[in-house]
C-alpha cells in the first residue's frame, strides 16, 4: 500500500484546462484578423457565442466570455 507521499508523487500531473486565474494565451498573426473567439480549432466543450475582438490597436485583448488572452504577433 502507498503512503501519502508516494501517492502524491504518482498523481502529480499538470492541468491541461486553464483556470480563471490563468487564462490561456493565444498568439495570432495578422492573417487571423478579424479575430473572433472561439477560434475554428477550439474544442467543442469550450465553445460560446462568437465574439469579435479588437486587437489591432493594443496588440492584446481578452475574450469577454472565456477570458482567453490573444496577442498579436509582431
Foldseek 3Di string as FASTA:
>chain_A
DDDPVVVCVVPDDDDPQDDPVDAAEAEDEPVCPQPWPPDPPDDPVPDDDIDGDDCVPVQWDADPPRGYIYGYDD
